[in-house]
Amino acid sequence: MAKSFEFQEWASLAQAAPDDFERQRKELIQAFLEESNDEQRRLGMSLQREIDFEIRRAGNPQQALAAISKMMWSQLDFLCEELEALSQSMRELDTAANVGAARLALALQPARR
């Protein structure tokens, strides 16, 4: 990415020249998306549309931040649920593998007479 993010510079720009801030913000996001692969670009553009919608819908920057924060926490909750489901599946697979290995070991033992 050609331009780095310096918080103080961006904060000053947002206060002094909001239109320039918005233009540069969009340019930086677009540059980032263009460097991404097709799938990441598609997902990133979709997410950015949602974020931009929330910013436009909000009455002020604090409400915009609250809305975007809520989006983030919702996504984090979803990821936690997915991680738990994956962990449960891995535990079940591990149990099944252990049972299968024990059965195979029994089957491979020489028959006792």
Protein backbone atom coordinates (compact mmCIF):
# COMPACT_ATOMS: atom_id res chain seq x y z
CA MET A 1 0.00 0.00 0.00
CA ALA A 2 1.40 3.36 -1.00
CA LYS A 3 0.20 5.39 1.98
CA SER A 4 0.66 4.52 5.64
CA PHE A 5 -1.79 5.26 8.41
CA GLU A 6 -0.69 7.91 10.89
CA PHE A 7 -3.53 8.46 13.36
CA GLN A 8 -2.66 12.02 14.35
CA GLU A 9 -2.34 13.11 10.71
CA TRP A 10 -5.70 11.55 9.84
CA ALA A 11 -7.38 13.06 12.92
CA SER A 12 -6.03 16.50 12.07
CA LEU A 13 -7.13 16.13 8.44
CA ALA A 14 -10.62 15.05 9.53
CA GLN A 15 -10.98 18.18 11.66
CA ALA A 16 -9.38 20.64 9.26
CA ALA A 17 -10.66 19.32 5.92
CA PRO A 18 -13.41 16.69 6.23
CA ASP A 19 -13.90 16.44 2.45
CA ASP A 20 -10.19 15.79 1.89
CA PHE A 21 -10.24 13.28 4.74
CA GLU A 22 -13.14 11.40 3.15
CA ARG A 23 -11.55 11.43 -0.31
CA GLN A 24 -8.22 10.14 1.02
CA ARG A 25 -9.98 7.54 3.20
CA LYS A 26 -11.78 6.17 0.15
CA GLU A 27 -8.58 6.19 -1.92
CA LEU A 28 -6.67 4.30 0.77
CA ILE A 29 -9.43 1.70 1.14
CA GLN A 30 -9.65 1.28 -2.64
CA ALA A 31 -5.87 0.83 -2.90
CA PHE A 32 -5.99 -1.81 -0.18
CA LEU A 33 -8.81 -3.67 -1.91
CA GLU A 34 -7.03 -3.56 -5.26
CA GLU A 35 -4.03 -5.33 -3.70
CA SER A 36 -6.27 -8.15 -2.44
CA ASN A 37 -7.14 -11.37 -4.25
CA ASP A 38 -10.55 -11.67 -5.92
CA GLU A 39 -12.33 -13.30 -2.96
CA GLN A 40 -10.87 -10.90 -0.40
CA ARG A 41 -11.68 -7.96 -2.68
CA ARG A 42 -15.30 -9.08 -3.05
CA LEU A 43 -15.71 -9.57 0.71
CA GLY A 44 -13.87 -6.34 1.50
CA MET A 45 -16.01 -4.31 -0.88
CA SER A 46 -19.16 -5.78 0.62
CA LEU A 47 -18.00 -5.01 4.16
CA GLN A 48 -16.98 -1.49 3.16
CA ARG A 49 -20.44 -0.87 1.66
CA GLU A 50 -21.98 -1.89 5.00
CA ILE A 51 -19.60 0.36 6.92
CA ASP A 52 -20.23 3.31 4.60
CA PHE A 53 -23.98 2.78 4.95
CA GLU A 54 -23.73 2.87 8.75
CA ILE A 55 -21.60 6.03 8.59
CA ARG A 56 -24.16 7.76 6.35
CA ARG A 57 -27.07 6.57 8.47
CA ALA A 58 -25.51 7.73 11.74
CA GLY A 59 -26.34 11.16 13.01
CA ASN A 60 -22.80 11.88 14.18
CA PRO A 61 -19.35 10.28 14.42
CA GLN A 62 -20.08 8.77 17.85
CA GLN A 63 -23.20 7.02 16.55
CA ALA A 64 -21.25 5.83 13.50
CA LEU A 65 -18.55 4.41 15.76
CA ALA A 66 -21.17 2.70 17.93
CA ALA A 67 -22.83 1.13 14.87
CA ILE A 68 -19.54 -0.08 13.41
CA SER A 69 -18.47 -1.38 16.82
CA LYS A 70 -21.73 -3.32 17.05
CA MET A 71 -21.01 -4.83 13.61
CA MET A 72 -17.55 -5.87 14.81
CA TRP A 73 -18.84 -7.46 18.02
CA SER A 74 -21.55 -9.28 16.09
CA GLN A 75 -18.91 -10.72 13.75
CA LEU A 76 -16.71 -11.66 16.70
CA ASP A 77 -19.64 -13.48 18.34
CA PHE A 78 -20.23 -15.35 15.09
CA LEU A 79 -16.56 -16.34 14.84
CA CYS A 80 -16.57 -17.53 18.46
CA GLU A 81 -19.61 -19.70 17.76
CA GLU A 82 -17.93 -21.13 14.66
CA LEU A 83 -14.76 -21.82 16.62
CA GLU A 84 -16.73 -23.64 19.30
CA ALA A 85 -18.52 -25.73 16.66
CA LEU A 86 -15.19 -26.57 15.05
CA SER A 87 -13.69 -27.48 18.42
CA GLN A 88 -16.65 -29.77 19.17
CA SER A 89 -16.26 -31.44 15.78
CA MET A 90 -12.55 -31.96 16.41
CA ARG A 91 -13.28 -33.52 19.82
CA GLU A 92 -15.83 -35.86 18.20
CA LEU A 93 -13.36 -36.76 15.44
CA ASP A 94 -10.64 -37.41 18.00
CA THR A 95 -12.98 -39.67 20.01
CA ALA A 96 -14.03 -41.56 16.87
CA ALA A 97 -10.39 -41.94 15.80
CA ASN A 98 -9.43 -43.30 19.23
CA VAL A 99 -12.34 -45.77 19.21
CA GLY A 100 -11.45 -46.81 15.66
CA ALA A 101 -7.79 -47.27 16.55
CA ALA A 102 -8.70 -49.41 19.57
CA ARG A 103 -11.01 -51.58 17.46
CA LEU A 104 -8.36 -51.96 14.79
CA ALA A 105 -5.77 -52.95 17.40
CA LEU A 106 -8.14 -55.60 18.75
CA ALA A 107 -8.88 -56.89 15.28
CA LEU A 108 -5.21 -57.17 14.45
CA GLN A 109 -4.32 -59.13 17.60
CA PRO A 110 -3.60 -62.78 16.96
CA ALA A 111 -6.57 -64.98 17.77
CA ARG A 112 -6.27 -66.73 21.16
CA ARG A 113 -7.30 -70.33 21.41
